[in-house]
Amino acid sequence: MQSTKRATDLAIEKPSRVAFLDEVPIALKLLELGITPSSRLVLVRKAPLGCPLYFYVNEQSFALRQAEAACIWVTEL
């Protein structure tokens, strides 16, 4: 069984799949952006001070704040 972890804890360029979203107000924003459970997600890079984080999600790129990315739970592929 694969364990889940927050998207903020991913290694750079390590592919993963979104398991679920928490924090309802932020989760609704992420869903509107197209970040849904089972989406493929890759952390591309982190800004020097750790915020924002740059992700590829389903062939689209996103910059998310640390608090937004912490609401995404993933399983590594």
Foldseek 3Di string as FASTA:
>chain_A
DFDKAFQLPDDAFFKWFFQQFDDVVLVVVCVVVVRHGRWIKGFHDAPPVRPFTWMQTNNDIDTDGPVSRRRTMITTD
